[in-house]
Amino acid sequence: VTPATGSCTGSIFTVTVTVNPKPAINPQTAEICSGGSFTISPSDGADGLVPSGTLYTWAAPGVTGGITGGAAGTSAVNISGTLVNPTNAVQTATYTVTPVSGTCTGSAFTITVTVNPMPSVNNLTSTICSGGTFTVTPANGTNGVVPAGTTYTWTSPLLTGGMTGGSAGTSAANISGSLINPTSTQQSATYSVTPTANGCSGTPFTVTVLVDP
């Protein structure tokens, strides 16, 4: 800058303006199973303008379906949390995050977390005659949390009394089989079954089949 007054010109001086970057981050998404955790670490370029050392602050999320676990937070590394979906349907949690770089606060952006339900099926019992077939189809509410489209995988059952016919099953819509009881007393076959829905595997449950002679 050259300063002048009248016909007198002063010495040139400099004005240096430091322009700090302002974060500008795109909306983000994540998908987890109920009870799982998510971590979002915005990347400069791929996710918008993310200056080094950006600080993130967020309030508790807005949720659907009574999701629990969502909490407010502040982090200079990422946005993370653990969420539980108590229903048998897909629910969401939406976080509003404010990014700050130095003294510059960027526009808030959203993180939408899809929380898939986790199957949680109670132990079940069925009774058949020797040589008969059983089919067990868990019902949501009556038999626990059973999301639509749940499939079942099980190993060969634990048999008593020398029974035959028990076999394993994979990704089936229900648990079924045929069993033969060669004795004169009631015997049992116990299946350990793992339910899966939307890529989320629940805790194994048992199906006990009582086989009358």
N, C-alpha and C. Protein backbone atom coordinates (compact mmCIF):
# COMPACT_ATOMS: atom_id res chain seq x y z
N VAL A 1 0.85 -1.19 0.00
CA VAL A 1 0.00 0.00 0.00
C VAL A 1 0.89 1.24 0.00
N THR A 2 0.57 2.20 -0.90
CA THR A 2 1.30 3.48 -0.93
C THR A 2 0.41 4.57 -0.33
N PRO A 3 0.83 5.18 0.76
CA PRO A 3 0.04 6.26 1.36
C PRO A 3 0.48 7.61 0.79
N ALA A 4 -0.45 8.52 0.59
CA ALA A 4 -0.11 9.86 0.07
C ALA A 4 -1.00 10.90 0.70
N THR A 5 -0.45 12.09 0.92
CA THR A 5 -1.24 13.23 1.38
C THR A 5 -0.74 14.47 0.64
N GLY A 6 -1.66 15.11 -0.09
CA GLY A 6 -1.24 16.23 -0.93
C GLY A 6 -0.22 15.75 -1.96
N SER A 7 0.93 16.42 -2.04
CA SER A 7 1.98 16.04 -2.98
C SER A 7 3.04 15.17 -2.33
N CYS A 8 2.78 14.75 -1.10
CA CYS A 8 3.79 13.96 -0.36
C CYS A 8 3.41 12.49 -0.35
N THR A 9 4.31 11.67 -0.87
CA THR A 9 4.09 10.22 -0.90
C THR A 9 4.93 9.57 0.19
N GLY A 10 4.28 8.77 1.02
CA GLY A 10 5.00 8.09 2.08
C GLY A 10 5.57 6.77 1.62
N SER A 11 6.28 6.15 2.52
CA SER A 11 6.86 4.83 2.22
C SER A 11 5.77 3.78 2.07
N ILE A 12 6.01 2.88 1.16
CA ILE A 12 5.08 1.76 0.96
C ILE A 12 5.08 0.88 2.21
N PHE A 13 3.88 0.44 2.62
CA PHE A 13 3.79 -0.54 3.72
C PHE A 13 2.90 -1.70 3.25
N THR A 14 2.95 -2.78 4.02
CA THR A 14 2.17 -3.96 3.64
C THR A 14 1.04 -4.22 4.63
N VAL A 15 -0.02 -4.75 4.12
CA VAL A 15 -1.13 -5.26 4.93
C VAL A 15 -1.28 -6.74 4.59
N THR A 16 -1.04 -7.59 5.57
CA THR A 16 -1.15 -9.04 5.35
C THR A 16 -2.45 -9.54 5.98
N VAL A 17 -3.31 -10.12 5.20
CA VAL A 17 -4.59 -10.65 5.69
C VAL A 17 -4.52 -12.18 5.73
N THR A 18 -4.66 -12.73 6.91
CA THR A 18 -4.70 -14.19 7.06
C THR A 18 -6.14 -14.65 6.91
N VAL A 19 -6.40 -15.50 5.94
CA VAL A 19 -7.76 -15.99 5.66
C VAL A 19 -7.84 -17.46 6.08
N ASN A 20 -8.47 -17.70 7.21
CA ASN A 20 -8.62 -19.08 7.70
C ASN A 20 -9.71 -19.80 6.92
N PRO A 21 -9.54 -21.11 6.71
CA PRO A 21 -10.57 -21.87 5.98
C PRO A 21 -11.81 -22.08 6.85
N LYS A 22 -12.95 -22.16 6.20
CA LYS A 22 -14.20 -22.46 6.90
C LYS A 22 -14.69 -23.84 6.45
N PRO A 23 -14.94 -24.76 7.39
CA PRO A 23 -15.42 -26.09 7.01
C PRO A 23 -16.73 -26.02 6.24
N ALA A 24 -16.87 -26.87 5.25
CA ALA A 24 -18.12 -27.00 4.48
C ALA A 24 -18.27 -28.48 4.13
N ILE A 25 -18.97 -29.19 4.98
CA ILE A 25 -19.01 -30.65 4.89
C ILE A 25 -20.36 -31.14 4.38
N ASN A 26 -20.31 -32.11 3.46
CA ASN A 26 -21.52 -32.68 2.87
C ASN A 26 -22.26 -33.55 3.89
N PRO A 27 -23.57 -33.75 3.70
CA PRO A 27 -24.31 -34.68 4.56
C PRO A 27 -23.67 -36.08 4.49
N GLN A 28 -23.70 -36.78 5.60
CA GLN A 28 -23.07 -38.10 5.70
C GLN A 28 -24.12 -39.16 6.08
N THR A 29 -23.83 -40.42 5.77
CA THR A 29 -24.72 -41.51 6.14
C THR A 29 -23.91 -42.68 6.71
N ALA A 30 -24.58 -43.50 7.50
CA ALA A 30 -23.98 -44.72 8.04
C ALA A 30 -25.08 -45.74 8.24
N GLU A 31 -24.72 -47.00 8.26
CA GLU A 31 -25.68 -48.09 8.48
C GLU A 31 -25.09 -49.08 9.46
N ILE A 32 -25.86 -49.41 10.51
CA ILE A 32 -25.38 -50.34 11.53
C ILE A 32 -26.51 -51.30 11.92
N CYS A 33 -26.14 -52.34 12.66
CA CYS A 33 -27.12 -53.22 13.28
C CYS A 33 -27.45 -52.67 14.66
N SER A 34 -28.64 -52.96 15.14
CA SER A 34 -29.02 -52.52 16.48
C SER A 34 -27.98 -52.96 17.50
N GLY A 35 -27.58 -52.03 18.36
CA GLY A 35 -26.55 -52.32 19.35
C GLY A 35 -25.15 -52.07 18.86
N GLY A 36 -25.02 -51.74 17.58
CA GLY A 36 -23.70 -51.50 17.00
C GLY A 36 -23.29 -50.04 17.09
N SER A 37 -22.06 -49.77 16.71
CA SER A 37 -21.51 -48.41 16.76
C SER A 37 -21.17 -47.92 15.36
N PHE A 38 -21.25 -46.61 15.17
CA PHE A 38 -20.84 -45.99 13.92
C PHE A 38 -19.75 -44.97 14.20
N THR A 39 -18.91 -44.72 13.21
CA THR A 39 -17.87 -43.70 13.30
C THR A 39 -17.77 -42.99 11.96
N ILE A 40 -17.93 -41.68 11.97
CA ILE A 40 -17.83 -40.87 10.76
C ILE A 40 -16.62 -39.95 10.90
N SER A 41 -15.67 -40.06 9.97
CA SER A 41 -14.49 -39.20 9.96
C SER A 41 -14.45 -38.48 8.61
N PRO A 42 -15.05 -37.29 8.53
CA PRO A 42 -15.08 -36.59 7.24
C PRO A 42 -13.69 -36.37 6.66
N SER A 43 -13.59 -36.59 5.35
CA SER A 43 -12.32 -36.48 4.65
C SER A 43 -12.32 -35.27 3.72
N ASP A 44 -11.24 -34.49 3.77
CA ASP A 44 -11.15 -33.31 2.91
C ASP A 44 -11.18 -33.72 1.45
N GLY A 45 -11.98 -33.05 0.69
CA GLY A 45 -12.10 -33.37 -0.74
C GLY A 45 -13.25 -34.32 -0.99
N ALA A 46 -13.15 -35.53 -0.45
CA ALA A 46 -14.19 -36.53 -0.67
C ALA A 46 -15.51 -36.14 0.00
N ASP A 47 -15.42 -35.49 1.15
CA ASP A 47 -16.63 -35.14 1.91
C ASP A 47 -16.87 -33.64 2.00
N GLY A 48 -16.15 -32.86 1.20
CA GLY A 48 -16.30 -31.41 1.25
C GLY A 48 -14.99 -30.76 1.67
N LEU A 49 -15.09 -29.58 2.26
CA LEU A 49 -13.91 -28.85 2.71
C LEU A 49 -13.72 -29.12 4.20
N VAL A 50 -12.67 -29.86 4.55
CA VAL A 50 -12.44 -30.29 5.93
C VAL A 50 -11.02 -29.88 6.34
N PRO A 51 -10.86 -28.68 6.93
CA PRO A 51 -9.53 -28.26 7.37
C PRO A 51 -8.97 -29.19 8.44
N SER A 52 -7.67 -29.31 8.49
CA SER A 52 -7.02 -30.14 9.50
C SER A 52 -7.37 -29.61 10.89
N GLY A 53 -7.68 -30.53 11.80
CA GLY A 53 -7.99 -30.15 13.17
C GLY A 53 -9.41 -29.66 13.38
N THR A 54 -10.28 -29.90 12.42
CA THR A 54 -11.67 -29.46 12.57
C THR A 54 -12.31 -30.11 13.80
N LEU A 55 -13.03 -29.30 14.57
CA LEU A 55 -13.71 -29.76 15.78
C LEU A 55 -15.19 -29.95 15.46
N TYR A 56 -15.76 -31.06 15.94
CA TYR A 56 -17.16 -31.37 15.68
C TYR A 56 -17.96 -31.33 16.99
N THR A 57 -19.11 -30.68 16.93
CA THR A 57 -20.01 -30.65 18.08
C THR A 57 -21.41 -31.01 17.61
N TRP A 58 -22.09 -31.88 18.36
CA TRP A 58 -23.44 -32.29 17.95
C TRP A 58 -24.34 -32.49 19.17
N ALA A 59 -25.62 -32.30 18.94
CA ALA A 59 -26.63 -32.55 19.97
C ALA A 59 -27.11 -33.99 19.86
N ALA A 60 -27.91 -34.42 20.84
CA ALA A 60 -28.51 -35.75 20.76
C ALA A 60 -29.33 -35.83 19.47
N PRO A 61 -29.33 -36.98 18.79
CA PRO A 61 -29.98 -37.08 17.48
C PRO A 61 -31.50 -37.10 17.57
N GLY A 62 -32.13 -36.75 16.46
CA GLY A 62 -33.55 -36.99 16.30
C GLY A 62 -33.72 -38.43 15.84
N VAL A 63 -34.61 -39.19 16.48
CA VAL A 63 -34.72 -40.62 16.18
C VAL A 63 -36.14 -41.01 15.81
N THR A 64 -36.25 -42.16 15.16
CA THR A 64 -37.55 -42.79 14.90
C THR A 64 -37.60 -44.10 15.67
N GLY A 65 -38.82 -44.56 15.92
CA GLY A 65 -39.01 -45.89 16.51
C GLY A 65 -38.46 -46.08 17.90
N GLY A 66 -38.23 -45.00 18.64
CA GLY A 66 -37.77 -45.15 20.02
C GLY A 66 -36.33 -45.61 20.15
N ILE A 67 -35.50 -45.34 19.14
CA ILE A 67 -34.08 -45.68 19.23
C ILE A 67 -33.48 -45.07 20.49
N THR A 68 -32.63 -45.82 21.16
CA THR A 68 -31.95 -45.32 22.35
C THR A 68 -30.43 -45.32 22.14
N GLY A 69 -29.74 -44.60 23.01
CA GLY A 69 -28.28 -44.58 22.96
C GLY A 69 -27.70 -43.33 22.36
N GLY A 70 -28.52 -42.56 21.64
CA GLY A 70 -28.01 -41.35 21.01
C GLY A 70 -27.66 -40.29 22.04
N ALA A 71 -26.50 -39.68 21.90
CA ALA A 71 -26.05 -38.67 22.88
C ALA A 71 -25.33 -37.54 22.17
N ALA A 72 -25.29 -36.39 22.86
CA ALA A 72 -24.53 -35.25 22.35
C ALA A 72 -23.04 -35.52 22.50
N GLY A 73 -22.22 -34.75 21.77
CA GLY A 73 -20.78 -34.97 21.88
C GLY A 73 -19.97 -33.88 21.21
N THR A 74 -18.67 -33.88 21.53
CA THR A 74 -17.69 -33.00 20.91
C THR A 74 -16.42 -33.78 20.67
N SER A 75 -15.86 -33.67 19.47
CA SER A 75 -14.66 -34.42 19.15
C SER A 75 -13.86 -33.70 18.08
N ALA A 76 -12.53 -33.79 18.19
CA ALA A 76 -11.65 -33.22 17.17
C ALA A 76 -11.20 -34.30 16.19
N VAL A 77 -11.82 -35.49 16.30
CA VAL A 77 -11.39 -36.62 15.46
C VAL A 77 -12.53 -37.10 14.56
N ASN A 78 -13.68 -37.42 15.15
CA ASN A 78 -14.77 -37.99 14.37
C ASN A 78 -16.09 -37.82 15.12
N ILE A 79 -17.15 -38.29 14.48
CA ILE A 79 -18.47 -38.32 15.11
C ILE A 79 -18.83 -39.79 15.28
N SER A 80 -19.16 -40.20 16.49
CA SER A 80 -19.41 -41.62 16.73
C SER A 80 -20.52 -41.80 17.76
N GLY A 81 -21.03 -43.01 17.83
CA GLY A 81 -22.08 -43.33 18.79
C GLY A 81 -22.50 -44.77 18.70
N THR A 82 -23.31 -45.21 19.66
CA THR A 82 -23.86 -46.56 19.70
C THR A 82 -25.37 -46.44 19.84
N LEU A 83 -26.11 -47.15 19.01
CA LEU A 83 -27.56 -47.00 18.96
C LEU A 83 -28.27 -48.35 19.05
N VAL A 84 -29.40 -48.37 19.74
CA VAL A 84 -30.20 -49.59 19.89
C VAL A 84 -31.59 -49.37 19.30
N ASN A 85 -31.98 -50.25 18.39
CA ASN A 85 -33.30 -50.21 17.76
C ASN A 85 -34.16 -51.30 18.41
N PRO A 86 -35.17 -50.90 19.21
CA PRO A 86 -35.97 -51.90 19.92
C PRO A 86 -37.10 -52.51 19.09
N THR A 87 -37.24 -52.10 17.84
CA THR A 87 -38.35 -52.56 17.01
C THR A 87 -37.91 -53.65 16.05
N ASN A 88 -38.87 -54.12 15.25
CA ASN A 88 -38.56 -55.14 14.24
C ASN A 88 -38.45 -54.53 12.85
N ALA A 89 -38.37 -53.18 12.77
CA ALA A 89 -38.28 -52.49 11.49
C ALA A 89 -37.06 -51.57 11.48
N VAL A 90 -36.63 -51.19 10.28
CA VAL A 90 -35.50 -50.28 10.13
C VAL A 90 -35.89 -48.90 10.68
N GLN A 91 -35.02 -48.31 11.50
CA GLN A 91 -35.24 -46.98 12.07
C GLN A 91 -34.02 -46.11 11.77
N THR A 92 -34.14 -44.79 12.02
CA THR A 92 -33.02 -43.89 11.75
C THR A 92 -32.77 -42.93 12.91
N ALA A 93 -31.53 -42.49 12.98
CA ALA A 93 -31.11 -41.44 13.92
C ALA A 93 -30.40 -40.37 13.11
N THR A 94 -30.82 -39.12 13.27
CA THR A 94 -30.24 -38.03 12.49
C THR A 94 -29.54 -37.04 13.41
N TYR A 95 -28.24 -36.90 13.21
CA TYR A 95 -27.42 -35.98 13.99
C TYR A 95 -27.21 -34.69 13.20
N THR A 96 -27.25 -33.57 13.90
CA THR A 96 -26.89 -32.28 13.30
C THR A 96 -25.56 -31.85 13.91
N VAL A 97 -24.54 -31.73 13.06
CA VAL A 97 -23.16 -31.53 13.50
C VAL A 97 -22.65 -30.16 13.05
N THR A 98 -22.04 -29.43 13.97
CA THR A 98 -21.44 -28.14 13.65
C THR A 98 -19.93 -28.27 13.62
N PRO A 99 -19.28 -28.00 12.47
CA PRO A 99 -17.82 -28.09 12.37
C PRO A 99 -17.17 -26.73 12.62
N VAL A 100 -16.08 -26.72 13.35
CA VAL A 100 -15.35 -25.48 13.65
C VAL A 100 -13.87 -25.68 13.36
N SER A 101 -13.28 -24.74 12.60
CA SER A 101 -11.85 -24.75 12.34
C SER A 101 -11.27 -23.44 12.85
N GLY A 102 -10.48 -23.52 13.91
CA GLY A 102 -9.95 -22.29 14.50
C GLY A 102 -11.08 -21.43 15.02
N THR A 103 -11.20 -20.21 14.49
CA THR A 103 -12.29 -19.31 14.88
C THR A 103 -13.42 -19.31 13.86
N CYS A 104 -13.34 -20.20 12.90
CA CYS A 104 -14.32 -20.21 11.80
C CYS A 104 -15.30 -21.36 11.96
N THR A 105 -16.57 -21.04 12.07
CA THR A 105 -17.62 -22.04 12.22
C THR A 105 -18.30 -22.27 10.88
N GLY A 106 -18.29 -23.52 10.44
CA GLY A 106 -18.94 -23.86 9.18
C GLY A 106 -20.42 -24.13 9.36
N SER A 107 -21.13 -24.27 8.27
CA SER A 107 -22.56 -24.61 8.31
C SER A 107 -22.74 -26.01 8.88
N ALA A 108 -23.80 -26.18 9.67
CA ALA A 108 -24.08 -27.50 10.23
C ALA A 108 -24.40 -28.48 9.11
N PHE A 109 -24.00 -29.73 9.29
CA PHE A 109 -24.34 -30.79 8.34
C PHE A 109 -24.98 -31.94 9.10
N THR A 110 -25.62 -32.83 8.38
CA THR A 110 -26.33 -33.94 9.03
C THR A 110 -25.62 -35.27 8.81
N ILE A 111 -25.79 -36.14 9.79
CA ILE A 111 -25.39 -37.54 9.67
C ILE A 111 -26.63 -38.38 9.94
N THR A 112 -27.05 -39.15 8.94
CA THR A 112 -28.22 -40.01 9.10
C THR A 112 -27.74 -41.45 9.25
N VAL A 113 -28.04 -42.03 10.41
CA VAL A 113 -27.62 -43.40 10.70
C VAL A 113 -28.83 -44.32 10.58
N THR A 114 -28.75 -45.28 9.67
CA THR A 114 -29.79 -46.30 9.53
C THR A 114 -29.48 -47.43 10.51
N VAL A 115 -30.43 -47.73 11.39
CA VAL A 115 -30.22 -48.76 12.40
C VAL A 115 -31.13 -49.95 12.09
N ASN A 116 -30.53 -51.01 11.55
CA ASN A 116 -31.29 -52.20 11.22
C ASN A 116 -31.65 -52.98 12.48
N PRO A 117 -32.84 -53.59 12.51
CA PRO A 117 -33.25 -54.35 13.70
C PRO A 117 -32.43 -55.62 13.85
N MET A 118 -32.24 -56.03 15.08
CA MET A 118 -31.53 -57.27 15.38
C MET A 118 -32.55 -58.32 15.82
N PRO A 119 -32.64 -59.47 15.13
CA PRO A 119 -33.58 -60.50 15.57
C PRO A 119 -33.25 -60.97 16.98
N SER A 120 -34.29 -61.16 17.79
CA SER A 120 -34.12 -61.68 19.14
C SER A 120 -35.29 -62.61 19.41
N VAL A 121 -35.07 -63.90 19.17
CA VAL A 121 -36.15 -64.88 19.20
C VAL A 121 -36.08 -65.73 20.46
N ASN A 122 -37.24 -65.94 21.06
CA ASN A 122 -37.32 -66.78 22.26
C ASN A 122 -37.14 -68.25 21.89
N ASN A 123 -36.74 -69.06 22.87
CA ASN A 123 -36.66 -70.50 22.66
C ASN A 123 -38.06 -71.05 22.38
N LEU A 124 -38.12 -72.03 21.45
CA LEU A 124 -39.42 -72.54 21.01
C LEU A 124 -39.47 -74.06 21.14
N THR A 125 -40.72 -74.58 21.21
CA THR A 125 -40.93 -76.02 21.34
C THR A 125 -42.01 -76.47 20.37
N SER A 126 -41.82 -77.66 19.81
CA SER A 126 -42.82 -78.24 18.92
C SER A 126 -42.93 -79.73 19.24
N THR A 127 -44.09 -80.32 19.00
CA THR A 127 -44.30 -81.75 19.26
C THR A 127 -44.84 -82.43 18.01
N ILE A 128 -44.24 -83.58 17.64
CA ILE A 128 -44.70 -84.33 16.48
C ILE A 128 -44.70 -85.83 16.81
N CYS A 129 -45.30 -86.61 15.93
CA CYS A 129 -45.20 -88.06 16.03
C CYS A 129 -43.99 -88.54 15.24
N SER A 130 -43.45 -89.67 15.60
CA SER A 130 -42.32 -90.24 14.89
C SER A 130 -42.63 -90.35 13.39
N GLY A 131 -41.69 -89.90 12.58
CA GLY A 131 -41.87 -89.93 11.14
C GLY A 131 -42.57 -88.69 10.61
N GLY A 132 -43.00 -87.83 11.51
CA GLY A 132 -43.70 -86.61 11.10
C GLY A 132 -42.74 -85.47 10.80
N THR A 133 -43.31 -84.40 10.31
CA THR A 133 -42.53 -83.20 9.97
C THR A 133 -42.99 -82.04 10.84
N PHE A 134 -42.03 -81.22 11.26
CA PHE A 134 -42.37 -80.01 12.03
C PHE A 134 -41.94 -78.79 11.22
N THR A 135 -42.66 -77.70 11.43
CA THR A 135 -42.30 -76.41 10.85
C THR A 135 -42.53 -75.35 11.91
N VAL A 136 -41.48 -74.61 12.24
CA VAL A 136 -41.57 -73.54 13.24
C VAL A 136 -41.28 -72.22 12.55
N THR A 137 -42.25 -71.30 12.60
CA THR A 137 -42.10 -69.98 12.00
C THR A 137 -42.29 -68.94 13.09
N PRO A 138 -41.20 -68.40 13.66
CA PRO A 138 -41.32 -67.42 14.74
C PRO A 138 -42.13 -66.19 14.30
N ALA A 139 -42.98 -65.70 15.21
CA ALA A 139 -43.83 -64.54 14.93
C ALA A 139 -43.36 -63.36 15.76
N ASN A 140 -43.30 -62.19 15.11
CA ASN A 140 -42.89 -61.00 15.83
C ASN A 140 -43.86 -60.68 16.97
N GLY A 141 -43.32 -60.30 18.11
CA GLY A 141 -44.15 -59.99 19.26
C GLY A 141 -44.44 -61.23 20.08
N THR A 142 -45.04 -62.24 19.47
CA THR A 142 -45.35 -63.47 20.19
C THR A 142 -44.10 -64.21 20.58
N ASN A 143 -43.13 -64.27 19.69
CA ASN A 143 -41.91 -65.05 19.92
C ASN A 143 -40.65 -64.19 20.03
N GLY A 144 -40.81 -62.89 20.23
CA GLY A 144 -39.66 -62.01 20.36
C GLY A 144 -39.66 -60.96 19.25
N VAL A 145 -38.49 -60.43 18.94
CA VAL A 145 -38.35 -59.43 17.87
C VAL A 145 -37.96 -60.17 16.58
N VAL A 146 -38.87 -60.18 15.63
CA VAL A 146 -38.67 -60.93 14.39
C VAL A 146 -38.91 -59.98 13.20
N PRO A 147 -37.86 -59.36 12.68
CA PRO A 147 -38.02 -58.47 11.52
C PRO A 147 -38.54 -59.22 10.30
N ALA A 148 -39.25 -58.51 9.44
CA ALA A 148 -39.72 -59.12 8.19
C ALA A 148 -38.52 -59.62 7.39
N GLY A 149 -38.67 -60.79 6.79
CA GLY A 149 -37.60 -61.35 5.97
C GLY A 149 -36.52 -62.06 6.75
N THR A 150 -36.72 -62.27 8.05
CA THR A 150 -35.71 -62.98 8.85
C THR A 150 -35.50 -64.40 8.31
N THR A 151 -34.25 -64.81 8.22
CA THR A 151 -33.93 -66.18 7.80
C THR A 151 -33.22 -66.89 8.95
N TYR A 152 -33.20 -68.21 8.86
CA TYR A 152 -32.69 -69.02 9.96
C TYR A 152 -31.67 -70.04 9.46
N THR A 153 -30.61 -70.19 10.22
CA THR A 153 -29.57 -71.17 9.91
C THR A 153 -29.33 -72.00 11.16
N TRP A 154 -29.24 -73.32 11.01
CA TRP A 154 -29.03 -74.19 12.17
C TRP A 154 -28.16 -75.38 11.82
N THR A 155 -27.54 -75.90 12.84
CA THR A 155 -26.71 -77.10 12.68
C THR A 155 -27.57 -78.34 12.93
N SER A 156 -27.01 -79.50 12.68
CA SER A 156 -27.73 -80.74 12.97
C SER A 156 -28.10 -80.79 14.44
N PRO A 157 -29.28 -81.27 14.78
CA PRO A 157 -29.75 -81.20 16.16
C PRO A 157 -29.08 -82.21 17.09
N LEU A 158 -29.19 -81.92 18.38
CA LEU A 158 -28.78 -82.85 19.41
C LEU A 158 -29.95 -83.79 19.65
N LEU A 159 -29.72 -85.09 19.40
CA LEU A 159 -30.81 -86.08 19.45
C LEU A 159 -30.69 -86.98 20.66
N THR A 160 -31.83 -87.43 21.17
CA THR A 160 -31.84 -88.43 22.23
C THR A 160 -32.45 -89.72 21.67
N GLY A 161 -32.17 -90.83 22.34
CA GLY A 161 -32.82 -92.09 22.00
C GLY A 161 -32.51 -92.66 20.65
N GLY A 162 -31.39 -92.27 20.05
CA GLY A 162 -31.03 -92.83 18.75
C GLY A 162 -31.92 -92.38 17.61
N MET A 163 -32.54 -91.23 17.76
CA MET A 163 -33.41 -90.74 16.68
C MET A 163 -32.61 -90.45 15.42
N THR A 164 -33.30 -90.44 14.30
CA THR A 164 -32.68 -90.14 13.02
C THR A 164 -33.51 -89.08 12.28
N GLY A 165 -32.91 -88.53 11.24
CA GLY A 165 -33.62 -87.59 10.38
C GLY A 165 -33.24 -86.14 10.57
N GLY A 166 -32.60 -85.80 11.69
CA GLY A 166 -32.24 -84.40 11.93
C GLY A 166 -31.14 -83.93 10.99
N SER A 167 -31.29 -82.77 10.41
CA SER A 167 -30.27 -82.24 9.50
C SER A 167 -30.14 -80.73 9.69
N ALA A 168 -29.06 -80.16 9.14
CA ALA A 168 -28.80 -78.73 9.24
C ALA A 168 -29.61 -77.98 8.20
N GLY A 169 -29.71 -76.67 8.37
CA GLY A 169 -30.41 -75.83 7.41
C GLY A 169 -29.73 -74.48 7.29
N THR A 170 -29.86 -73.85 6.15
CA THR A 170 -29.19 -72.56 5.91
C THR A 170 -30.12 -71.55 5.26
N SER A 171 -30.17 -70.35 5.85
CA SER A 171 -30.92 -69.21 5.28
C SER A 171 -32.34 -69.58 4.88
N ALA A 172 -33.03 -70.30 5.76
CA ALA A 172 -34.40 -70.73 5.48
C ALA A 172 -35.41 -69.75 6.08
N ALA A 173 -36.62 -69.74 5.50
CA ALA A 173 -37.67 -68.85 5.98
C ALA A 173 -38.30 -69.34 7.28
N ASN A 174 -38.08 -70.62 7.60
CA ASN A 174 -38.56 -71.18 8.86
C ASN A 174 -37.66 -72.35 9.24
N ILE A 175 -37.92 -72.92 10.40
CA ILE A 175 -37.13 -74.07 10.86
C ILE A 175 -38.01 -75.30 10.69
N SER A 176 -37.53 -76.27 9.93
CA SER A 176 -38.35 -77.45 9.65
C SER A 176 -37.49 -78.69 9.53
N GLY A 177 -38.15 -79.82 9.59
CA GLY A 177 -37.44 -81.09 9.47
C GLY A 177 -38.35 -82.26 9.73
N SER A 178 -37.82 -83.45 9.55
CA SER A 178 -38.56 -84.69 9.78
C SER A 178 -37.71 -85.58 10.68
N LEU A 179 -38.32 -86.19 11.68
CA LEU A 179 -37.58 -86.98 12.67
C LEU A 179 -38.26 -88.32 12.91
N ILE A 180 -37.43 -89.34 13.17
CA ILE A 180 -37.94 -90.69 13.46
C ILE A 180 -37.46 -91.12 14.83
N ASN A 181 -38.42 -91.51 15.67
CA ASN A 181 -38.14 -91.99 17.02
C ASN A 181 -38.29 -93.51 17.03
N PRO A 182 -37.17 -94.25 17.17
CA PRO A 182 -37.24 -95.71 17.10
C PRO A 182 -37.60 -96.36 18.44
N THR A 183 -37.84 -95.56 19.48
CA THR A 183 -38.10 -96.11 20.82
C THR A 183 -39.59 -96.08 21.14
N SER A 184 -39.93 -96.57 22.33
CA SER A 184 -41.33 -96.58 22.78
C SER A 184 -41.63 -95.42 23.73
N THR A 185 -40.68 -94.49 23.90
CA THR A 185 -40.89 -93.33 24.77
C THR A 185 -40.60 -92.04 24.00
N GLN A 186 -41.11 -90.95 24.54
CA GLN A 186 -40.89 -89.65 23.89
C GLN A 186 -39.41 -89.30 23.91
N GLN A 187 -38.90 -88.81 22.77
CA GLN A 187 -37.52 -88.36 22.65
C GLN A 187 -37.51 -86.90 22.18
N SER A 188 -36.32 -86.32 22.16
CA SER A 188 -36.25 -84.90 21.76
C SER A 188 -35.10 -84.63 20.80
N ALA A 189 -35.29 -83.61 20.02
CA ALA A 189 -34.26 -83.09 19.13
C ALA A 189 -34.13 -81.60 19.42
N THR A 190 -32.90 -81.14 19.71
CA THR A 190 -32.70 -79.73 20.05
C THR A 190 -31.83 -79.07 18.99
N TYR A 191 -32.41 -78.07 18.35
CA TYR A 191 -31.73 -77.33 17.29
C TYR A 191 -31.23 -75.99 17.84
N SER A 192 -30.01 -75.62 17.49
CA SER A 192 -29.48 -74.29 17.81
C SER A 192 -29.59 -73.46 16.54
N VAL A 193 -30.39 -72.39 16.61
CA VAL A 193 -30.77 -71.63 15.41
C VAL A 193 -30.26 -70.19 15.51
N THR A 194 -29.64 -69.71 14.44
CA THR A 194 -29.18 -68.32 14.37
C THR A 194 -30.08 -67.55 13.41
N PRO A 195 -30.78 -66.51 13.92
CA PRO A 195 -31.64 -65.69 13.04
C PRO A 195 -30.86 -64.53 12.44
N THR A 196 -31.17 -64.20 11.19
CA THR A 196 -30.48 -63.09 10.50
C THR A 196 -31.50 -62.25 9.74
N ALA A 197 -31.37 -60.90 9.86
CA ALA A 197 -32.25 -59.99 9.12
C ALA A 197 -31.45 -58.75 8.74
N ASN A 198 -31.55 -58.35 7.49
CA ASN A 198 -30.84 -57.16 6.99
C ASN A 198 -29.34 -57.21 7.28
N GLY A 199 -28.77 -58.41 7.23
CA GLY A 199 -27.34 -58.56 7.48
C GLY A 199 -26.98 -58.58 8.96
N CYS A 200 -27.98 -58.54 9.83
CA CYS A 200 -27.74 -58.53 11.28
C CYS A 200 -28.10 -59.89 11.88
N SER A 201 -27.11 -60.55 12.47
CA SER A 201 -27.34 -61.86 13.08
C SER A 201 -27.62 -61.72 14.56
N GLY A 202 -28.74 -62.29 14.99
CA GLY A 202 -29.11 -62.24 16.40
C GLY A 202 -28.48 -63.37 17.18
N THR A 203 -28.74 -63.36 18.48
CA THR A 203 -28.25 -64.42 19.37
C THR A 203 -28.95 -65.73 19.03
N PRO A 204 -28.21 -66.86 18.96
CA PRO A 204 -28.86 -68.14 18.68
C PRO A 204 -29.91 -68.49 19.73
N PHE A 205 -30.97 -69.12 19.27
CA PHE A 205 -32.01 -69.62 20.16
C PHE A 205 -32.21 -71.10 19.87
N THR A 206 -32.97 -71.78 20.73
CA THR A 206 -33.17 -73.22 20.53
C THR A 206 -34.60 -73.52 20.10
N VAL A 207 -34.69 -74.53 19.26
CA VAL A 207 -36.00 -75.14 18.94
C VAL A 207 -35.92 -76.58 19.40
N THR A 208 -36.75 -76.92 20.38
CA THR A 208 -36.78 -78.27 20.91
C THR A 208 -38.00 -78.99 20.36
N VAL A 209 -37.74 -80.08 19.64
CA VAL A 209 -38.83 -80.85 19.05
C VAL A 209 -39.00 -82.13 19.86
N LEU A 210 -40.20 -82.29 20.43
CA LEU A 210 -40.53 -83.50 21.18
C LEU A 210 -41.15 -84.49 20.20
N VAL A 211 -40.58 -85.69 20.14
CA VAL A 211 -41.03 -86.69 19.15
C VAL A 211 -41.65 -87.86 19.89
N ASP A 212 -42.99 -87.96 19.77
CA ASP A 212 -43.69 -89.06 20.41
C ASP A 212 -43.55 -90.33 19.59
N PRO A 213 -43.52 -91.48 20.27
CA PRO A 213 -43.38 -92.75 19.53
C PRO A 213 -44.65 -93.07 18.75
